[in-house]
Amino acid sequence: MKAQGFRALLASKTRAAGRKAGHWLDIAKYVAVAVAAAVVTLAAVNLTPEPRVIRTIVPHRFDAADPQFVQSMSSYSQGQISGQNAVQTLVNGDEIFPAMLQAIGVARSSIDMETYIYWSGSVGYQFATALAAKAREGVEVRVLVDWLGSLPFDENLIHIMTGAGVRFQRYRPVYWYTLDRVNNRTHRKLLIVDG
């Protein structure tokens, strides 16, 4: 009789423990659904583009080669532009890339390059090898590329540069905890040689 009572007590305790475990599993399911909904909402808010509205139209009064351009840029930037500076208009990669590679080739002390998109293929290889060659010569070379803009990046190009001593960084990699800043990118395209 005592054994049956003990078994009944044990069975009731086991059922109660099972109900408690089931209760916690139900709560865990609701929490998981809430977290998933929050992640989807956060992603939707950050990945939905805002409508682009041009609020100020800047009139195009003169070309970059016009002497008035230098004076205008000086007033916009609140800085002095010296007489030794020159502005040359370069159109598209056919004109831009050779000029950039030439500037890299004559660098003596430093090269700082920042870009949104780093090119894969032959153009990317030309830049990687030119930057690596200057780093091997003792020129301080720093490259900053946007993480999102350089997603289809050939890792071999990174190894070519870093193996030669180039300081290479990606700007704002995206992690789960930075999804709210996924659109904070760098769209600057800078090449500063010996500056």
N, C-alpha and C. Protein backbone atom coordinates (compact mmCIF):
# COMPACT_ATOMS: atom_id res chain seq x y z
N MET A 1 0.82 -1.19 0.00
CA MET A 1 0.00 0.00 0.00
C MET A 1 0.87 1.26 0.00
N LYS A 2 1.93 1.21 0.83
CA LYS A 2 2.83 2.35 0.89
C LYS A 2 3.54 2.55 -0.46
N ALA A 3 3.88 1.45 -1.11
CA ALA A 3 4.57 1.53 -2.40
C ALA A 3 3.67 2.18 -3.44
N GLN A 4 2.37 1.82 -3.43
CA GLN A 4 1.44 2.43 -4.38
C GLN A 4 1.30 3.92 -4.12
N GLY A 5 1.23 4.31 -2.86
CA GLY A 5 1.13 5.72 -2.51
C GLY A 5 2.37 6.49 -2.96
N PHE A 6 3.54 5.85 -2.78
CA PHE A 6 4.79 6.49 -3.19
C PHE A 6 4.83 6.67 -4.71
N ARG A 7 4.37 5.61 -5.44
CA ARG A 7 4.34 5.69 -6.91
C ARG A 7 3.38 6.78 -7.37
N ALA A 8 2.23 6.88 -6.72
CA ALA A 8 1.25 7.90 -7.08
C ALA A 8 1.82 9.30 -6.84
N LEU A 9 2.50 9.46 -5.70
CA LEU A 9 3.11 10.75 -5.38
C LEU A 9 4.20 11.10 -6.40
N LEU A 10 5.03 10.11 -6.74
CA LEU A 10 6.10 10.30 -7.73
C LEU A 10 5.52 10.64 -9.09
N ALA A 11 4.44 9.97 -9.49
CA ALA A 11 3.80 10.23 -10.78
C ALA A 11 3.23 11.64 -10.82
N SER A 12 2.61 12.08 -9.73
CA SER A 12 2.04 13.43 -9.71
C SER A 12 3.14 14.49 -9.77
N LYS A 13 4.25 14.25 -9.08
CA LYS A 13 5.39 15.19 -9.13
C LYS A 13 5.97 15.25 -10.55
N THR A 14 6.07 14.09 -11.22
CA THR A 14 6.62 14.03 -12.58
C THR A 14 5.72 14.80 -13.54
N ARG A 15 4.37 14.62 -13.39
CA ARG A 15 3.43 15.34 -14.25
C ARG A 15 3.55 16.85 -14.02
N ALA A 16 3.69 17.26 -12.77
CA ALA A 16 3.82 18.68 -12.44
C ALA A 16 5.10 19.26 -13.04
N ALA A 17 6.19 18.50 -12.96
CA ALA A 17 7.46 18.96 -13.54
C ALA A 17 7.34 19.07 -15.05
N GLY A 18 6.64 18.12 -15.67
CA GLY A 18 6.43 18.16 -17.12
C GLY A 18 5.63 19.39 -17.53
N ARG A 19 4.59 19.72 -16.73
CA ARG A 19 3.78 20.91 -17.03
C ARG A 19 4.62 22.18 -16.90
N LYS A 20 5.50 22.23 -15.87
CA LYS A 20 6.37 23.40 -15.70
C LYS A 20 7.32 23.55 -16.89
N ALA A 21 7.92 22.44 -17.31
CA ALA A 21 8.84 22.48 -18.45
C ALA A 21 8.10 22.92 -19.71
N GLY A 22 6.89 22.40 -19.90
CA GLY A 22 6.08 22.80 -21.05
C GLY A 22 5.75 24.28 -21.01
N HIS A 23 5.48 24.79 -19.81
CA HIS A 23 5.19 26.21 -19.64
C HIS A 23 6.39 27.07 -20.07
N TRP A 24 7.60 26.69 -19.65
CA TRP A 24 8.80 27.44 -20.03
C TRP A 24 9.08 27.34 -21.52
N LEU A 25 8.79 26.19 -22.12
CA LEU A 25 8.96 26.05 -23.57
C LEU A 25 8.01 26.97 -24.32
N ASP A 26 6.76 27.09 -23.82
CA ASP A 26 5.81 28.01 -24.45
C ASP A 26 6.31 29.45 -24.37
N ILE A 27 6.82 29.83 -23.21
CA ILE A 27 7.35 31.19 -23.04
C ILE A 27 8.53 31.42 -23.99
N ALA A 28 9.42 30.43 -24.10
CA ALA A 28 10.59 30.54 -24.99
C ALA A 28 10.14 30.71 -26.44
N LYS A 29 9.08 30.02 -26.84
CA LYS A 29 8.57 30.16 -28.22
C LYS A 29 8.07 31.58 -28.46
N TYR A 30 7.32 32.14 -27.50
CA TYR A 30 6.81 33.50 -27.66
C TYR A 30 7.95 34.52 -27.72
N VAL A 31 8.97 34.32 -26.90
CA VAL A 31 10.13 35.22 -26.91
C VAL A 31 10.85 35.13 -28.25
N ALA A 32 11.02 33.91 -28.77
CA ALA A 32 11.70 33.72 -30.05
C ALA A 32 10.93 34.41 -31.18
N VAL A 33 9.60 34.30 -31.16
CA VAL A 33 8.77 34.95 -32.19
C VAL A 33 8.91 36.47 -32.07
N ALA A 34 8.91 37.00 -30.85
CA ALA A 34 9.04 38.45 -30.64
C ALA A 34 10.40 38.95 -31.13
N VAL A 35 11.46 38.21 -30.83
CA VAL A 35 12.81 38.60 -31.27
C VAL A 35 12.90 38.55 -32.79
N ALA A 36 12.35 37.51 -33.41
CA ALA A 36 12.38 37.40 -34.87
C ALA A 36 11.61 38.56 -35.50
N ALA A 37 10.46 38.92 -34.93
CA ALA A 37 9.68 40.04 -35.45
C ALA A 37 10.46 41.35 -35.33
N ALA A 38 11.17 41.53 -34.22
CA ALA A 38 11.96 42.74 -34.02
C ALA A 38 13.10 42.82 -35.04
N VAL A 39 13.76 41.70 -35.30
CA VAL A 39 14.86 41.68 -36.27
C VAL A 39 14.35 41.99 -37.67
N VAL A 40 13.22 41.40 -38.05
CA VAL A 40 12.65 41.65 -39.38
C VAL A 40 12.25 43.12 -39.50
N THR A 41 11.64 43.67 -38.46
CA THR A 41 11.24 45.08 -38.48
C THR A 41 12.46 45.99 -38.60
N LEU A 42 13.50 45.70 -37.82
CA LEU A 42 14.72 46.50 -37.85
C LEU A 42 15.36 46.45 -39.23
N ALA A 43 15.42 45.26 -39.82
CA ALA A 43 16.00 45.12 -41.16
C ALA A 43 15.17 45.88 -42.19
N ALA A 44 13.84 45.77 -42.10
CA ALA A 44 12.97 46.45 -43.06
C ALA A 44 13.12 47.97 -42.96
N VAL A 45 13.19 48.48 -41.75
CA VAL A 45 13.32 49.93 -41.56
C VAL A 45 14.65 50.43 -42.12
N ASN A 46 15.72 49.67 -41.93
CA ASN A 46 17.04 50.13 -42.35
C ASN A 46 17.35 49.86 -43.81
N LEU A 47 16.70 48.88 -44.39
CA LEU A 47 17.00 48.54 -45.78
C LEU A 47 16.03 49.17 -46.76
N THR A 48 14.97 49.79 -46.28
CA THR A 48 14.03 50.47 -47.16
C THR A 48 14.60 51.85 -47.48
N PRO A 49 14.85 52.12 -48.76
CA PRO A 49 15.47 53.41 -49.09
C PRO A 49 14.51 54.57 -48.86
N GLU A 50 15.08 55.67 -48.40
CA GLU A 50 14.29 56.89 -48.23
C GLU A 50 14.14 57.56 -49.59
N PRO A 51 13.01 58.24 -49.80
CA PRO A 51 12.87 58.95 -51.08
C PRO A 51 13.91 60.07 -51.17
N ARG A 52 14.54 60.16 -52.31
CA ARG A 52 15.57 61.18 -52.49
C ARG A 52 14.92 62.46 -53.01
N VAL A 53 15.07 63.50 -52.24
CA VAL A 53 14.49 64.79 -52.60
C VAL A 53 15.62 65.80 -52.69
N ILE A 54 15.73 66.44 -53.84
CA ILE A 54 16.74 67.49 -54.01
C ILE A 54 16.13 68.77 -53.47
N ARG A 55 16.71 69.27 -52.41
CA ARG A 55 16.17 70.47 -51.77
C ARG A 55 16.80 71.75 -52.31
N THR A 56 18.05 71.66 -52.70
CA THR A 56 18.75 72.84 -53.20
C THR A 56 19.40 72.49 -54.53
N ILE A 57 19.09 73.24 -55.51
CA ILE A 57 19.71 73.03 -56.82
C ILE A 57 20.87 74.01 -56.93
N VAL A 58 22.06 73.46 -57.11
CA VAL A 58 23.27 74.28 -57.24
C VAL A 58 23.47 74.57 -58.72
N PRO A 59 23.44 75.83 -59.08
CA PRO A 59 23.59 76.15 -60.50
C PRO A 59 25.01 75.84 -60.98
N HIS A 60 25.11 75.38 -62.20
CA HIS A 60 26.40 75.07 -62.82
C HIS A 60 26.82 76.30 -63.62
N ARG A 61 27.69 77.08 -63.01
CA ARG A 61 28.05 78.36 -63.64
C ARG A 61 29.31 78.27 -64.50
N PHE A 62 30.22 77.38 -64.10
CA PHE A 62 31.47 77.32 -64.84
C PHE A 62 32.11 75.95 -64.65
N ASP A 63 32.99 75.61 -65.57
CA ASP A 63 33.69 74.33 -65.57
C ASP A 63 34.83 74.35 -64.55
N ALA A 64 35.31 73.17 -64.17
CA ALA A 64 36.41 73.09 -63.20
C ALA A 64 37.69 73.72 -63.75
N ALA A 65 37.84 73.81 -65.06
CA ALA A 65 39.04 74.42 -65.64
C ALA A 65 38.97 75.95 -65.63
N ASP A 66 37.81 76.51 -65.39
CA ASP A 66 37.64 77.96 -65.35
C ASP A 66 38.34 78.53 -64.12
N PRO A 67 39.09 79.63 -64.24
CA PRO A 67 39.77 80.23 -63.08
C PRO A 67 38.79 80.61 -61.96
N GLN A 68 37.56 80.90 -62.32
CA GLN A 68 36.56 81.26 -61.32
C GLN A 68 36.24 80.07 -60.40
N PHE A 69 36.46 78.86 -60.89
CA PHE A 69 36.20 77.65 -60.09
C PHE A 69 37.06 77.64 -58.83
N VAL A 70 38.33 77.97 -58.97
CA VAL A 70 39.25 77.98 -57.83
C VAL A 70 38.77 78.97 -56.79
N GLN A 71 38.40 80.15 -57.23
CA GLN A 71 37.92 81.17 -56.30
C GLN A 71 36.63 80.72 -55.61
N SER A 72 35.74 80.11 -56.37
CA SER A 72 34.48 79.64 -55.81
C SER A 72 34.71 78.53 -54.78
N MET A 73 35.57 77.57 -55.09
CA MET A 73 35.86 76.48 -54.16
C MET A 73 36.53 77.00 -52.90
N SER A 74 37.36 78.01 -53.06
CA SER A 74 38.02 78.60 -51.90
C SER A 74 36.99 79.21 -50.95
N SER A 75 35.99 79.88 -51.51
CA SER A 75 34.97 80.49 -50.64
C SER A 75 34.06 79.43 -50.03
N TYR A 76 33.74 78.37 -50.77
CA TYR A 76 32.90 77.30 -50.22
C TYR A 76 33.59 76.57 -49.08
N SER A 77 34.89 76.33 -49.23
CA SER A 77 35.62 75.53 -48.24
C SER A 77 36.17 76.38 -47.11
N GLN A 78 36.09 77.69 -47.23
CA GLN A 78 36.65 78.62 -46.25
C GLN A 78 38.14 78.38 -46.04
N GLY A 79 38.81 77.99 -47.11
CA GLY A 79 40.24 77.75 -47.06
C GLY A 79 40.93 78.45 -48.20
N GLN A 80 42.23 78.55 -48.09
CA GLN A 80 43.01 79.18 -49.14
C GLN A 80 43.49 78.13 -50.12
N ILE A 81 43.37 78.42 -51.38
CA ILE A 81 43.90 77.54 -52.42
C ILE A 81 45.13 78.23 -52.97
N SER A 82 46.26 77.55 -52.89
CA SER A 82 47.51 78.18 -53.31
C SER A 82 47.64 78.16 -54.83
N GLY A 83 48.53 78.99 -55.32
CA GLY A 83 48.74 79.09 -56.75
C GLY A 83 49.38 77.86 -57.37
N GLN A 84 50.00 77.01 -56.54
CA GLN A 84 50.65 75.81 -57.08
C GLN A 84 49.65 74.68 -57.35
N ASN A 85 48.44 74.80 -56.85
CA ASN A 85 47.44 73.76 -57.07
C ASN A 85 46.84 73.89 -58.46
N ALA A 86 46.41 72.77 -59.00
CA ALA A 86 45.78 72.77 -60.31
C ALA A 86 44.61 71.80 -60.28
N VAL A 87 43.63 72.07 -61.10
CA VAL A 87 42.46 71.20 -61.21
C VAL A 87 42.42 70.66 -62.62
N GLN A 88 42.30 69.35 -62.73
CA GLN A 88 42.18 68.72 -64.03
C GLN A 88 40.94 67.84 -64.00
N THR A 89 40.05 68.03 -64.96
CA THR A 89 38.82 67.24 -65.02
C THR A 89 39.13 65.91 -65.69
N LEU A 90 38.80 64.82 -65.00
CA LEU A 90 38.99 63.48 -65.54
C LEU A 90 37.62 62.82 -65.64
N VAL A 91 37.33 62.23 -66.78
CA VAL A 91 36.02 61.64 -67.01
C VAL A 91 36.14 60.12 -67.10
N ASN A 92 35.40 59.45 -66.24
CA ASN A 92 35.30 57.99 -66.24
C ASN A 92 36.65 57.31 -65.95
N GLY A 93 36.57 56.00 -65.78
CA GLY A 93 37.74 55.22 -65.41
C GLY A 93 38.87 55.26 -66.41
N ASP A 94 38.54 55.42 -67.70
CA ASP A 94 39.59 55.45 -68.72
C ASP A 94 40.57 56.60 -68.49
N GLU A 95 40.11 57.69 -67.91
CA GLU A 95 40.99 58.82 -67.61
C GLU A 95 41.41 58.84 -66.15
N ILE A 96 40.51 58.40 -65.27
CA ILE A 96 40.77 58.50 -63.83
C ILE A 96 41.82 57.49 -63.36
N PHE A 97 41.66 56.22 -63.74
CA PHE A 97 42.55 55.18 -63.21
C PHE A 97 44.01 55.38 -63.61
N PRO A 98 44.33 55.68 -64.87
CA PRO A 98 45.75 55.92 -65.20
C PRO A 98 46.35 57.08 -64.41
N ALA A 99 45.57 58.15 -64.20
CA ALA A 99 46.08 59.29 -63.43
C ALA A 99 46.32 58.90 -61.97
N MET A 100 45.43 58.09 -61.41
CA MET A 100 45.62 57.63 -60.03
C MET A 100 46.85 56.73 -59.92
N LEU A 101 47.00 55.81 -60.87
CA LEU A 101 48.16 54.91 -60.84
C LEU A 101 49.46 55.69 -61.03
N GLN A 102 49.44 56.72 -61.86
CA GLN A 102 50.63 57.55 -62.04
C GLN A 102 50.97 58.28 -60.73
N ALA A 103 49.96 58.81 -60.05
CA ALA A 103 50.20 59.49 -58.77
C ALA A 103 50.76 58.52 -57.74
N ILE A 104 50.25 57.30 -57.71
CA ILE A 104 50.77 56.29 -56.78
C ILE A 104 52.23 55.99 -57.11
N GLY A 105 52.53 55.91 -58.40
CA GLY A 105 53.89 55.58 -58.82
C GLY A 105 54.94 56.59 -58.42
N VAL A 106 54.56 57.86 -58.26
CA VAL A 106 55.54 58.89 -57.90
C VAL A 106 55.54 59.23 -56.41
N ALA A 107 54.77 58.52 -55.63
CA ALA A 107 54.69 58.80 -54.18
C ALA A 107 56.05 58.59 -53.52
N ARG A 108 56.39 59.50 -52.58
CA ARG A 108 57.67 59.39 -51.88
C ARG A 108 57.51 59.08 -50.40
N SER A 109 56.44 59.58 -49.77
CA SER A 109 56.34 59.37 -48.31
C SER A 109 55.04 58.69 -47.87
N SER A 110 53.91 59.03 -48.50
CA SER A 110 52.66 58.43 -48.03
C SER A 110 51.61 58.38 -49.13
N ILE A 111 50.74 57.37 -49.00
CA ILE A 111 49.58 57.23 -49.88
C ILE A 111 48.40 56.89 -48.98
N ASP A 112 47.34 57.68 -49.08
CA ASP A 112 46.10 57.40 -48.38
C ASP A 112 45.01 57.27 -49.44
N MET A 113 44.36 56.11 -49.45
CA MET A 113 43.31 55.87 -50.44
C MET A 113 42.04 55.45 -49.71
N GLU A 114 40.94 56.09 -50.05
CA GLU A 114 39.64 55.73 -49.48
C GLU A 114 38.65 55.66 -50.63
N THR A 115 37.84 54.60 -50.64
CA THR A 115 36.88 54.44 -51.72
C THR A 115 35.70 53.60 -51.28
N TYR A 116 34.57 53.83 -51.92
CA TYR A 116 33.37 53.04 -51.63
C TYR A 116 33.48 51.69 -52.31
N ILE A 117 33.83 51.71 -53.59
CA ILE A 117 33.93 50.47 -54.36
C ILE A 117 35.40 50.23 -54.69
N TYR A 118 35.88 49.03 -54.37
CA TYR A 118 37.22 48.64 -54.81
C TYR A 118 37.02 47.66 -55.94
N TRP A 119 37.69 47.88 -57.02
CA TRP A 119 37.44 47.15 -58.23
C TRP A 119 38.09 45.79 -58.19
N SER A 120 37.36 44.78 -58.61
CA SER A 120 37.94 43.45 -58.79
C SER A 120 38.44 43.37 -60.23
N GLY A 121 39.10 42.29 -60.55
CA GLY A 121 39.59 42.12 -61.91
C GLY A 121 40.91 42.83 -62.14
N SER A 122 41.16 43.18 -63.39
CA SER A 122 42.48 43.71 -63.76
C SER A 122 42.74 45.09 -63.15
N VAL A 123 41.72 45.93 -63.04
CA VAL A 123 41.93 47.26 -62.45
C VAL A 123 42.30 47.13 -60.98
N GLY A 124 41.56 46.29 -60.26
CA GLY A 124 41.87 46.06 -58.85
C GLY A 124 43.27 45.49 -58.66
N TYR A 125 43.66 44.59 -59.56
CA TYR A 125 44.99 43.99 -59.48
C TYR A 125 46.07 45.05 -59.72
N GLN A 126 45.85 45.94 -60.70
CA GLN A 126 46.82 47.01 -60.97
C GLN A 126 47.01 47.90 -59.74
N PHE A 127 45.90 48.26 -59.10
CA PHE A 127 45.99 49.10 -57.91
C PHE A 127 46.67 48.36 -56.76
N ALA A 128 46.29 47.10 -56.55
CA ALA A 128 46.87 46.33 -55.44
C ALA A 128 48.38 46.18 -55.61
N THR A 129 48.83 45.86 -56.82
CA THR A 129 50.27 45.68 -57.03
C THR A 129 51.02 47.01 -56.97
N ALA A 130 50.40 48.09 -57.46
CA ALA A 130 51.06 49.41 -57.39
C ALA A 130 51.19 49.86 -55.93
N LEU A 131 50.14 49.68 -55.15
CA LEU A 131 50.19 50.06 -53.73
C LEU A 131 51.18 49.19 -52.97
N ALA A 132 51.19 47.89 -53.28
CA ALA A 132 52.12 46.97 -52.61
C ALA A 132 53.57 47.33 -52.95
N ALA A 133 53.83 47.68 -54.21
CA ALA A 133 55.19 48.05 -54.61
C ALA A 133 55.67 49.28 -53.84
N LYS A 134 54.79 50.27 -53.68
CA LYS A 134 55.19 51.47 -52.94
C LYS A 134 55.41 51.15 -51.46
N ALA A 135 54.60 50.27 -50.90
CA ALA A 135 54.80 49.89 -49.49
C ALA A 135 56.14 49.20 -49.32
N ARG A 136 56.53 48.37 -50.28
CA ARG A 136 57.83 47.69 -50.20
C ARG A 136 58.98 48.69 -50.31
N GLU A 137 58.75 49.81 -50.98
CA GLU A 137 59.78 50.86 -51.10
C GLU A 137 59.90 51.69 -49.82
N GLY A 138 59.00 51.46 -48.87
CA GLY A 138 59.05 52.21 -47.62
C GLY A 138 58.03 53.34 -47.53
N VAL A 139 57.22 53.50 -48.54
CA VAL A 139 56.15 54.51 -48.50
C VAL A 139 55.05 54.00 -47.57
N GLU A 140 54.54 54.87 -46.71
CA GLU A 140 53.45 54.47 -45.82
C GLU A 140 52.15 54.48 -46.62
N VAL A 141 51.53 53.31 -46.75
CA VAL A 141 50.33 53.17 -47.58
C VAL A 141 49.17 52.72 -46.70
N ARG A 142 48.08 53.49 -46.76
CA ARG A 142 46.86 53.16 -46.01
C ARG A 142 45.69 53.13 -46.99
N VAL A 143 44.89 52.05 -46.90
CA VAL A 143 43.73 51.89 -47.78
C VAL A 143 42.51 51.63 -46.92
N LEU A 144 41.46 52.40 -47.17
CA LEU A 144 40.18 52.22 -46.47
C LEU A 144 39.10 52.04 -47.52
N VAL A 145 38.43 50.88 -47.49
CA VAL A 145 37.34 50.63 -48.42
C VAL A 145 36.06 50.40 -47.63
N ASP A 146 34.95 50.80 -48.22
CA ASP A 146 33.66 50.58 -47.57
C ASP A 146 33.35 49.09 -47.58
N TRP A 147 32.90 48.57 -46.44
CA TRP A 147 32.62 47.14 -46.33
C TRP A 147 31.54 46.72 -47.32
N LEU A 148 30.46 47.48 -47.39
CA LEU A 148 29.34 47.10 -48.26
C LEU A 148 29.70 47.30 -49.73
N GLY A 149 30.35 48.41 -50.04
CA GLY A 149 30.71 48.69 -51.42
C GLY A 149 31.76 47.75 -51.98
N SER A 150 32.52 47.13 -51.10
CA SER A 150 33.59 46.22 -51.57
C SER A 150 33.26 44.77 -51.27
N LEU A 151 31.96 44.43 -51.18
CA LEU A 151 31.59 43.05 -50.87
C LEU A 151 32.12 42.03 -51.88
N PRO A 152 32.04 42.29 -53.18
CA PRO A 152 32.60 41.28 -54.08
C PRO A 152 34.11 41.42 -54.21
N PHE A 153 34.80 41.59 -53.09
CA PHE A 153 36.23 41.89 -53.08
C PHE A 153 37.04 40.61 -53.19
N ASP A 154 38.02 40.61 -54.04
CA ASP A 154 38.91 39.46 -54.20
C ASP A 154 39.91 39.46 -53.04
N GLU A 155 39.81 38.46 -52.18
CA GLU A 155 40.67 38.39 -50.99
C GLU A 155 42.16 38.32 -51.36
N ASN A 156 42.49 37.80 -52.53
CA ASN A 156 43.90 37.75 -52.95
C ASN A 156 44.49 39.15 -53.08
N LEU A 157 43.66 40.11 -53.49
CA LEU A 157 44.15 41.49 -53.60
C LEU A 157 44.50 42.05 -52.23
N ILE A 158 43.71 41.69 -51.22
CA ILE A 158 44.02 42.13 -49.86
C ILE A 158 45.35 41.54 -49.42
N HIS A 159 45.56 40.25 -49.70
CA HIS A 159 46.80 39.59 -49.30
C HIS A 159 48.01 40.19 -50.02
N ILE A 160 47.84 40.56 -51.29
CA ILE A 160 48.93 41.21 -52.03
C ILE A 160 49.34 42.49 -51.30
N MET A 161 48.34 43.28 -50.90
CA MET A 161 48.64 44.56 -50.26
C MET A 161 49.16 44.39 -48.84
N THR A 162 48.45 43.63 -48.02
CA THR A 162 48.86 43.50 -46.61
C THR A 162 50.18 42.75 -46.48
N GLY A 163 50.44 41.83 -47.40
CA GLY A 163 51.71 41.11 -47.37
C GLY A 163 52.90 42.02 -47.63
N ALA A 164 52.65 43.13 -48.31
CA ALA A 164 53.72 44.09 -48.61
C ALA A 164 53.81 45.20 -47.56
N GLY A 165 52.86 45.21 -46.61
CA GLY A 165 52.91 46.23 -45.56
C GLY A 165 51.86 47.32 -45.68
N VAL A 166 50.92 47.17 -46.61
CA VAL A 166 49.84 48.15 -46.73
C VAL A 166 48.89 47.98 -45.54
N ARG A 167 48.51 49.09 -44.92
CA ARG A 167 47.51 49.04 -43.84
C ARG A 167 46.13 49.09 -44.49
N PHE A 168 45.43 47.98 -44.45
CA PHE A 168 44.14 47.84 -45.14
C PHE A 168 43.03 47.68 -44.12
N GLN A 169 41.98 48.47 -44.26
CA GLN A 169 40.82 48.38 -43.36
C GLN A 169 39.54 48.46 -44.17
N ARG A 170 38.51 47.80 -43.63
CA ARG A 170 37.16 47.94 -44.20
C ARG A 170 36.35 48.84 -43.27
N TYR A 171 35.65 49.78 -43.87
CA TYR A 171 34.85 50.74 -43.11
C TYR A 171 33.49 50.15 -42.76
N ARG A 172 33.18 50.15 -41.49
CA ARG A 172 31.89 49.73 -40.94
C ARG A 172 31.39 48.38 -41.45
N PRO A 173 32.05 47.29 -41.06
CA PRO A 173 31.49 45.97 -41.37
C PRO A 173 30.12 45.85 -40.71
N VAL A 174 29.23 45.08 -41.32
CA VAL A 174 27.88 44.92 -40.79
C VAL A 174 27.83 43.68 -39.92
N TYR A 175 27.37 43.87 -38.70
CA TYR A 175 27.12 42.77 -37.76
C TYR A 175 25.66 42.83 -37.35
N TRP A 176 25.16 41.81 -36.68
CA TRP A 176 23.76 41.80 -36.28
C TRP A 176 23.43 42.98 -35.38
N TYR A 177 24.40 43.42 -34.59
CA TYR A 177 24.14 44.51 -33.66
C TYR A 177 24.38 45.89 -34.28
N THR A 178 24.77 45.94 -35.57
CA THR A 178 24.94 47.23 -36.24
C THR A 178 23.96 47.40 -37.40
N LEU A 179 22.91 46.59 -37.43
CA LEU A 179 21.95 46.68 -38.53
C LEU A 179 21.28 48.05 -38.59
N ASP A 180 21.17 48.73 -37.46
CA ASP A 180 20.56 50.06 -37.47
C ASP A 180 21.45 51.10 -38.14
N ARG A 181 22.71 50.76 -38.41
CA ARG A 181 23.63 51.69 -39.05
C ARG A 181 24.14 51.17 -40.40
N VAL A 182 23.40 50.22 -40.99
CA VAL A 182 23.87 49.60 -42.22
C VAL A 182 24.00 50.61 -43.36
N ASN A 183 23.20 51.67 -43.33
CA ASN A 183 23.27 52.67 -44.40
C ASN A 183 24.30 53.76 -44.14
N ASN A 184 24.99 53.71 -43.03
CA ASN A 184 26.05 54.69 -42.76
C ASN A 184 27.32 54.24 -43.46
N ARG A 185 27.47 54.62 -44.69
CA ARG A 185 28.58 54.16 -45.53
C ARG A 185 29.51 55.34 -45.81
N THR A 186 30.68 55.04 -46.31
CA THR A 186 31.58 56.08 -46.80
C THR A 186 31.55 56.03 -48.32
N HIS A 187 31.12 57.11 -48.92
CA HIS A 187 31.09 57.19 -50.38
C HIS A 187 32.23 58.08 -50.90
N ARG A 188 33.14 58.43 -50.00
CA ARG A 188 34.26 59.28 -50.43
C ARG A 188 35.18 58.49 -51.37
N LYS A 189 35.73 59.21 -52.31
CA LYS A 189 36.73 58.63 -53.21
C LYS A 189 37.94 59.55 -53.13
N LEU A 190 38.91 59.14 -52.32
CA LEU A 190 40.08 59.98 -52.07
C LEU A 190 41.36 59.24 -52.42
N LEU A 191 42.28 59.94 -53.00
CA LEU A 191 43.64 59.45 -53.17
C LEU A 191 44.54 60.63 -52.82
N ILE A 192 45.22 60.53 -51.69
CA ILE A 192 46.09 61.60 -51.23
C ILE A 192 47.52 61.06 -51.24
N VAL A 193 48.35 61.67 -52.04
CA VAL A 193 49.73 61.22 -52.20
C VAL A 193 50.66 62.29 -51.63
N ASP A 194 51.52 61.87 -50.71
CA ASP A 194 52.50 62.77 -50.07
C ASP A 194 51.83 64.01 -49.48
N GLY A 195 50.65 63.82 -48.91
CA GLY A 195 49.92 64.98 -48.37
C GLY A 195 49.85 65.00 -46.88
